[in-house]
Amino acid sequence: MKPFHLLGVVPFLGILGGIFFANRVTPYVLGMPFILFWLVLWVVLISATMAVIYRLDPANRPAPAHRKDPAS
């Protein structure tokens, strides 16, 4: 396992571990109770985190083009 694959743990901790931190209704953010805002925020952050993991993974890079030798 490569170190950047550990970024996949961050959304897990944010959603499941952060619920205990964000379990309140009183502060409204963008018209939503804080707990709902927290979950919506993590849905967006999960997408960003997975995009970063995808970009860092060398398996997702295009293979180098094979050049033909003009002399042959």
PDB file of N, CA and C in Angstrom:
ATOM      1  N   MET A   1       0.848  -1.173   0.000  1.00  0.00           N
ATOM      2  CA  MET A   1       0.000   0.000   0.000  1.00  0.00           C
ATOM      3  C   MET A   1       0.898   1.242   0.000  1.00  0.00           C
ATOM      4  N   LYS A   2       0.557   2.164  -0.851  1.00  0.00           N
ATOM      5  CA  LYS A   2       1.337   3.387  -0.967  1.00  0.00           C
ATOM      6  C   LYS A   2       0.834   4.424   0.043  1.00  0.00           C
ATOM      7  N   PRO A   3       1.704   5.319   0.470  1.00  0.00           N
ATOM      8  CA  PRO A   3       1.299   6.293   1.502  1.00  0.00           C
ATOM      9  C   PRO A   3       0.111   7.164   1.098  1.00  0.00           C
ATOM     10  N   PHE A   4      -0.004   7.499  -0.180  1.00  0.00           N
ATOM     11  CA  PHE A   4      -1.126   8.358  -0.559  1.00  0.00           C
ATOM     12  C   PHE A   4      -2.464   7.622  -0.513  1.00  0.00           C
ATOM     13  N   HIS A   5      -2.435   6.306  -0.476  1.00  0.00           N
ATOM     14  CA  HIS A   5      -3.685   5.561  -0.310  1.00  0.00           C
ATOM     15  C   HIS A   5      -4.268   5.755   1.087  1.00  0.00           C
ATOM     16  N   LEU A   6      -3.445   6.171   2.017  1.00  0.00           N
ATOM     17  CA  LEU A   6      -3.941   6.445   3.367  1.00  0.00           C
ATOM     18  C   LEU A   6      -4.848   7.675   3.399  1.00  0.00           C
ATOM     19  N   LEU A   7      -4.817   8.478   2.350  1.00  0.00           N
ATOM     20  CA  LEU A   7      -5.754   9.603   2.262  1.00  0.00           C
ATOM     21  C   LEU A   7      -7.195   9.119   2.228  1.00  0.00           C
ATOM     22  N   GLY A   8      -7.402   7.888   1.820  1.00  0.00           N
ATOM     23  CA  GLY A   8      -8.753   7.320   1.797  1.00  0.00           C
ATOM     24  C   GLY A   8      -9.347   7.144   3.181  1.00  0.00           C
ATOM     25  N   VAL A   9      -8.515   7.190   4.210  1.00  0.00           N
ATOM     26  CA  VAL A   9      -8.994   7.069   5.589  1.00  0.00           C
ATOM     27  C   VAL A   9      -9.587   8.387   6.075  1.00  0.00           C
ATOM     28  N   VAL A  10      -9.135   9.493   5.514  1.00  0.00           N
ATOM     29  CA  VAL A  10      -9.579  10.816   5.963  1.00  0.00           C
ATOM     30  C   VAL A  10     -11.106  10.979   5.852  1.00  0.00           C
ATOM     31  N   PRO A  11     -11.750  10.633   4.728  1.00  0.00           N
ATOM     32  CA  PRO A  11     -13.206  10.765   4.677  1.00  0.00           C
ATOM     33  C   PRO A  11     -13.916   9.872   5.692  1.00  0.00           C
ATOM     34  N   PHE A  12     -13.384   8.692   5.907  1.00  0.00           N
ATOM     35  CA  PHE A  12     -13.977   7.785   6.891  1.00  0.00           C
ATOM     36  C   PHE A  12     -13.975   8.434   8.273  1.00  0.00           C
ATOM     37  N   LEU A  13     -12.846   9.013   8.640  1.00  0.00           N
ATOM     38  CA  LEU A  13     -12.754   9.671   9.941  1.00  0.00           C
ATOM     39  C   LEU A  13     -13.623  10.927  10.001  1.00  0.00           C
ATOM     40  N   GLY A  14     -13.696  11.639   8.908  1.00  0.00           N
ATOM     41  CA  GLY A  14     -14.491  12.867   8.877  1.00  0.00           C
ATOM     42  C   GLY A  14     -15.971  12.617   9.031  1.00  0.00           C
ATOM     43  N   ILE A  15     -16.466  11.599   8.369  1.00  0.00           N
ATOM     44  CA  ILE A  15     -17.909  11.317   8.450  1.00  0.00           C
ATOM     45  C   ILE A  15     -18.247  10.603   9.747  1.00  0.00           C
ATOM     46  N   LEU A  16     -17.585   9.497  10.019  1.00  0.00           N
ATOM     47  CA  LEU A  16     -17.969   8.707  11.193  1.00  0.00           C
ATOM     48  C   LEU A  16     -17.430   9.280  12.493  1.00  0.00           C
ATOM     49  N   GLY A  17     -16.199   9.717  12.489  1.00  0.00           N
ATOM     50  CA  GLY A  17     -15.640  10.270  13.714  1.00  0.00           C
ATOM     51  C   GLY A  17     -16.112  11.683  13.990  1.00  0.00           C
ATOM     52  N   GLY A  18     -16.361  12.437  12.948  1.00  0.00           N
ATOM     53  CA  GLY A  18     -16.774  13.829  13.107  1.00  0.00           C
ATOM     54  C   GLY A  18     -18.215  14.002  13.523  1.00  0.00           C
ATOM     55  N   ILE A  19     -19.027  12.972  13.364  1.00  0.00           N
ATOM     56  CA  ILE A  19     -20.440  13.073  13.744  1.00  0.00           C
ATOM     57  C   ILE A  19     -20.564  13.383  15.232  1.00  0.00           C
ATOM     58  N   PHE A  20     -19.710  12.804  16.034  1.00  0.00           N
ATOM     59  CA  PHE A  20     -19.777  13.060  17.478  1.00  0.00           C
ATOM     60  C   PHE A  20     -19.419  14.513  17.783  1.00  0.00           C
ATOM     61  N   PHE A  21     -18.506  15.063  17.017  1.00  0.00           N
ATOM     62  CA  PHE A  21     -18.129  16.464  17.172  1.00  0.00           C
ATOM     63  C   PHE A  21     -19.233  17.398  16.662  1.00  0.00           C
ATOM     64  N   ALA A  22     -19.872  17.026  15.579  1.00  0.00           N
ATOM     65  CA  ALA A  22     -20.824  17.907  14.904  1.00  0.00           C
ATOM     66  C   ALA A  22     -22.271  17.645  15.291  1.00  0.00           C
ATOM     67  N   ASN A  23     -22.513  16.849  16.283  1.00  0.00           N
ATOM     68  CA  ASN A  23     -23.872  16.460  16.638  1.00  0.00           C
ATOM     69  C   ASN A  23     -24.584  17.571  17.408  1.00  0.00           C
ATOM     70  N   ARG A  24     -24.962  18.613  16.689  1.00  0.00           N
ATOM     71  CA  ARG A  24     -25.751  19.692  17.258  1.00  0.00           C
ATOM     72  C   ARG A  24     -26.578  20.336  16.150  1.00  0.00           C
ATOM     73  N   VAL A  25     -27.618  21.013  16.551  1.00  0.00           N
ATOM     74  CA  VAL A  25     -28.529  21.588  15.580  1.00  0.00           C
ATOM     75  C   VAL A  25     -28.450  23.110  15.581  1.00  0.00           C
ATOM     76  N   THR A  26     -28.161  23.708  16.709  1.00  0.00           N
ATOM     77  CA  THR A  26     -28.321  25.155  16.870  1.00  0.00           C
ATOM     78  C   THR A  26     -27.563  26.024  15.877  1.00  0.00           C
ATOM     79  N   PRO A  27     -26.297  25.847  15.603  1.00  0.00           N
ATOM     80  CA  PRO A  27     -25.732  26.754  14.595  1.00  0.00           C
ATOM     81  C   PRO A  27     -26.200  26.343  13.197  1.00  0.00           C
ATOM     82  N   TYR A  28     -26.813  27.267  12.504  1.00  0.00           N
ATOM     83  CA  TYR A  28     -27.232  27.020  11.129  1.00  0.00           C
ATOM     84  C   TYR A  28     -26.165  27.557  10.189  1.00  0.00           C
ATOM     85  N   VAL A  29     -25.768  26.740   9.233  1.00  0.00           N
ATOM     86  CA  VAL A  29     -24.778  27.135   8.244  1.00  0.00           C
ATOM     87  C   VAL A  29     -25.438  26.988   6.877  1.00  0.00           C
ATOM     88  N   LEU A  30     -25.498  28.066   6.134  1.00  0.00           N
ATOM     89  CA  LEU A  30     -26.151  28.094   4.819  1.00  0.00           C
ATOM     90  C   LEU A  30     -27.597  27.604   4.905  1.00  0.00           C
ATOM     91  N   GLY A  31     -28.250  27.903   6.001  1.00  0.00           N
ATOM     92  CA  GLY A  31     -29.653  27.540   6.188  1.00  0.00           C
ATOM     93  C   GLY A  31     -29.885  26.092   6.596  1.00  0.00           C
ATOM     94  N   MET A  32     -28.821  25.360   6.849  1.00  0.00           N
ATOM     95  CA  MET A  32     -28.940  23.950   7.245  1.00  0.00           C
ATOM     96  C   MET A  32     -28.461  23.794   8.683  1.00  0.00           C
ATOM     97  N   PRO A  33     -29.048  22.853   9.408  1.00  0.00           N
ATOM     98  CA  PRO A  33     -28.485  22.546  10.720  1.00  0.00           C
ATOM     99  C   PRO A  33     -27.038  22.091  10.556  1.00  0.00           C
ATOM    100  N   PHE A  34     -26.237  22.302  11.580  1.00  0.00           N
ATOM    101  CA  PHE A  34     -24.801  22.051  11.482  1.00  0.00           C
ATOM    102  C   PHE A  34     -24.500  20.601  11.108  1.00  0.00           C
ATOM    103  N   ILE A  35     -25.251  19.657  11.640  1.00  0.00           N
ATOM    104  CA  ILE A  35     -24.980  18.235  11.346  1.00  0.00           C
ATOM    105  C   ILE A  35     -25.197  17.940   9.860  1.00  0.00           C
ATOM    106  N   LEU A  36     -26.228  18.521   9.277  1.00  0.00           N
ATOM    107  CA  LEU A  36     -26.486  18.316   7.855  1.00  0.00           C
ATOM    108  C   LEU A  36     -25.406  18.998   7.014  1.00  0.00           C
ATOM    109  N   PHE A  37     -25.021  20.210   7.416  1.00  0.00           N
ATOM    110  CA  PHE A  37     -23.936  20.896   6.720  1.00  0.00           C
ATOM    111  C   PHE A  37     -22.659  20.084   6.786  1.00  0.00           C
ATOM    112  N   TRP A  38     -22.356  19.493   7.937  1.00  0.00           N
ATOM    113  CA  TRP A  38     -21.152  18.678   8.118  1.00  0.00           C
ATOM    114  C   TRP A  38     -21.140  17.512   7.127  1.00  0.00           C
ATOM    115  N   LEU A  39     -22.271  16.833   6.986  1.00  0.00           N
ATOM    116  CA  LEU A  39     -22.349  15.689   6.072  1.00  0.00           C
ATOM    117  C   LEU A  39     -22.232  16.118   4.614  1.00  0.00           C
ATOM    118  N   VAL A  40     -22.880  17.210   4.254  1.00  0.00           N
ATOM    119  CA  VAL A  40     -22.797  17.710   2.884  1.00  0.00           C
ATOM    120  C   VAL A  40     -21.372  18.160   2.572  1.00  0.00           C
ATOM    121  N   LEU A  41     -20.738  18.807   3.522  1.00  0.00           N
ATOM    122  CA  LEU A  41     -19.350  19.230   3.348  1.00  0.00           C
ATOM    123  C   LEU A  41     -18.449  18.031   3.098  1.00  0.00           C
ATOM    124  N   TRP A  42     -18.648  16.945   3.834  1.00  0.00           N
ATOM    125  CA  TRP A  42     -17.796  15.774   3.660  1.00  0.00           C
ATOM    126  C   TRP A  42     -18.068  15.043   2.352  1.00  0.00           C
ATOM    127  N   VAL A  43     -19.274  15.139   1.838  1.00  0.00           N
ATOM    128  CA  VAL A  43     -19.534  14.550   0.518  1.00  0.00           C
ATOM    129  C   VAL A  43     -18.686  15.254  -0.531  1.00  0.00           C
ATOM    130  N   VAL A  44     -18.598  16.563  -0.436  1.00  0.00           N
ATOM    131  CA  VAL A  44     -17.762  17.329  -1.365  1.00  0.00           C
ATOM    132  C   VAL A  44     -16.280  17.024  -1.126  1.00  0.00           C
ATOM    133  N   LEU A  45     -15.860  16.965   0.135  1.00  0.00           N
ATOM    134  CA  LEU A  45     -14.461  16.693   0.446  1.00  0.00           C
ATOM    135  C   LEU A  45     -14.043  15.279   0.052  1.00  0.00           C
ATOM    136  N   ILE A  46     -14.963  14.330   0.115  1.00  0.00           N
ATOM    137  CA  ILE A  46     -14.652  12.965  -0.325  1.00  0.00           C
ATOM    138  C   ILE A  46     -14.337  12.961  -1.811  1.00  0.00           C
ATOM    139  N   SER A  47     -15.116  13.688  -2.591  1.00  0.00           N
ATOM    140  CA  SER A  47     -14.854  13.763  -4.031  1.00  0.00           C
ATOM    141  C   SER A  47     -13.487  14.382  -4.300  1.00  0.00           C
ATOM    142  N   ALA A  48     -13.157  15.432  -3.584  1.00  0.00           N
ATOM    143  CA  ALA A  48     -11.858  16.074  -3.768  1.00  0.00           C
ATOM    144  C   ALA A  48     -10.722  15.142  -3.338  1.00  0.00           C
ATOM    145  N   THR A  49     -10.900  14.431  -2.249  1.00  0.00           N
ATOM    146  CA  THR A  49      -9.873  13.509  -1.766  1.00  0.00           C
ATOM    147  C   THR A  49      -9.653  12.368  -2.751  1.00  0.00           C
ATOM    148  N   MET A  50     -10.730  11.816  -3.279  1.00  0.00           N
ATOM    149  CA  MET A  50     -10.587  10.732  -4.249  1.00  0.00           C
ATOM    150  C   MET A  50      -9.938  11.222  -5.540  1.00  0.00           C
ATOM    151  N   ALA A  51     -10.198  12.473  -5.935  1.00  0.00           N
ATOM    152  CA  ALA A  51      -9.548  13.037  -7.117  1.00  0.00           C
ATOM    153  C   ALA A  51      -8.043  13.185  -6.885  1.00  0.00           C
ATOM    154  N   VAL A  52      -7.655  13.587  -5.682  1.00  0.00           N
ATOM    155  CA  VAL A  52      -6.230  13.709  -5.361  1.00  0.00           C
ATOM    156  C   VAL A  52      -5.570  12.336  -5.384  1.00  0.00           C
ATOM    157  N   ILE A  53      -6.218  11.341  -4.799  1.00  0.00           N
ATOM    158  CA  ILE A  53      -5.664   9.982  -4.803  1.00  0.00           C
ATOM    159  C   ILE A  53      -5.519   9.475  -6.237  1.00  0.00           C
ATOM    160  N   TYR A  54      -6.510   9.732  -7.054  1.00  0.00           N
ATOM    161  CA  TYR A  54      -6.464   9.302  -8.456  1.00  0.00           C
ATOM    162  C   TYR A  54      -5.287   9.943  -9.185  1.00  0.00           C
ATOM    163  N   ARG A  55      -5.076  11.254  -8.941  1.00  0.00           N
ATOM    164  CA  ARG A  55      -3.994  11.960  -9.624  1.00  0.00           C
ATOM    165  C   ARG A  55      -2.618  11.499  -9.153  1.00  0.00           C
ATOM    166  N   LEU A  56      -2.498  11.125  -7.878  1.00  0.00           N
ATOM    167  CA  LEU A  56      -1.210  10.716  -7.334  1.00  0.00           C
ATOM    168  C   LEU A  56      -0.847   9.275  -7.667  1.00  0.00           C
ATOM    169  N   ASP A  57      -1.815   8.469  -8.032  1.00  0.00           N
ATOM    170  CA  ASP A  57      -1.576   7.050  -8.288  1.00  0.00           C
ATOM    171  C   ASP A  57      -0.888   6.877  -9.642  1.00  0.00           C
ATOM    172  N   PRO A  58       0.318   6.313  -9.651  1.00  0.00           N
ATOM    173  CA  PRO A  58       1.022   6.152 -10.931  1.00  0.00           C
ATOM    174  C   PRO A  58       0.343   5.148 -11.859  1.00  0.00           C
ATOM    175  N   ALA A  59      -0.498   4.297 -11.359  1.00  0.00           N
ATOM    176  CA  ALA A  59      -1.202   3.334 -12.213  1.00  0.00           C
ATOM    177  C   ALA A  59      -2.200   4.024 -13.144  1.00  0.00           C
ATOM    178  N   ASN A  60      -2.574   5.251 -12.829  1.00  0.00           N
ATOM    179  CA  ASN A  60      -3.548   5.973 -13.650  1.00  0.00           C
ATOM    180  C   ASN A  60      -2.903   6.891 -14.675  1.00  0.00           C
ATOM    181  N   ARG A  61      -1.594   6.872 -14.760  1.00  0.00           N
ATOM    182  CA  ARG A  61      -0.900   7.700 -15.751  1.00  0.00           C
ATOM    183  C   ARG A  61      -0.855   6.969 -17.084  1.00  0.00           C
ATOM    184  N   PRO A  62      -0.917   7.692 -18.181  1.00  0.00           N
ATOM    185  CA  PRO A  62      -0.871   7.030 -19.480  1.00  0.00           C
ATOM    186  C   PRO A  62       0.489   6.378 -19.716  1.00  0.00           C
ATOM    187  N   ALA A  63       0.463   5.296 -20.415  1.00  0.00           N
ATOM    188  CA  ALA A  63       1.710   4.595 -20.741  1.00  0.00           C
ATOM    189  C   ALA A  63       2.494   5.433 -21.742  1.00  0.00           C
ATOM    190  N   PRO A  64       3.814   5.402 -21.659  1.00  0.00           N
ATOM    191  CA  PRO A  64       4.597   6.182 -22.624  1.00  0.00           C
ATOM    192  C   PRO A  64       4.418   5.617 -24.032  1.00  0.00           C
ATOM    193  N   ALA A  65       4.339   6.516 -24.975  1.00  0.00           N
ATOM    194  CA  ALA A  65       4.164   6.092 -26.367  1.00  0.00           C
ATOM    195  C   ALA A  65       5.458   5.467 -26.867  1.00  0.00           C
ATOM    196  N   HIS A  66       5.332   4.381 -27.595  1.00  0.00           N
ATOM    197  CA  HIS A  66       6.506   3.710 -28.160  1.00  0.00           C
ATOM    198  C   HIS A  66       6.858   4.399 -29.478  1.00  0.00           C
ATOM    199  N   ARG A  67       8.088   4.861 -29.534  1.00  0.00           N
ATOM    200  CA  ARG A  67       8.541   5.510 -30.759  1.00  0.00           C
ATOM    201  C   ARG A  67       9.188   4.487 -31.671  1.00  0.00           C
ATOM    202  N   LYS A  68       8.878   4.589 -32.925  1.00  0.00           N
ATOM    203  CA  LYS A  68       9.524   3.722 -33.903  1.00  0.00           C
ATOM    204  C   LYS A  68      10.807   4.389 -34.364  1.00  0.00           C
ATOM    205  N   ASP A  69      11.820   3.617 -34.501  1.00  0.00           N
ATOM    206  CA  ASP A  69      13.102   4.147 -34.949  1.00  0.00           C
ATOM    207  C   ASP A  69      12.999   4.388 -36.466  1.00  0.00           C
ATOM    208  N   PRO A  70      13.239   5.623 -36.936  1.00  0.00           N
ATOM    209  CA  PRO A  70      13.094   5.891 -38.373  1.00  0.00           C
ATOM    210  C   PRO A  70      14.135   5.148 -39.222  1.00  0.00           C
ATOM    211  N   ALA A  71      15.231   4.705 -38.626  1.00  0.00           N
ATOM    212  CA  ALA A  71      16.262   4.007 -39.393  1.00  0.00           C
ATOM    213  C   ALA A  71      15.869   2.572 -39.723  1.00  0.00           C
ATOM    214  N   SER A  72      14.894   2.003 -39.030  1.00  0.00           N
ATOM    215  CA  SER A  72      14.567   0.609 -39.296  1.00  0.00           C
ATOM    216  C   SER A  72      13.439   0.414 -40.268  1.00  0.00           C
TER     217      SER A  72
END
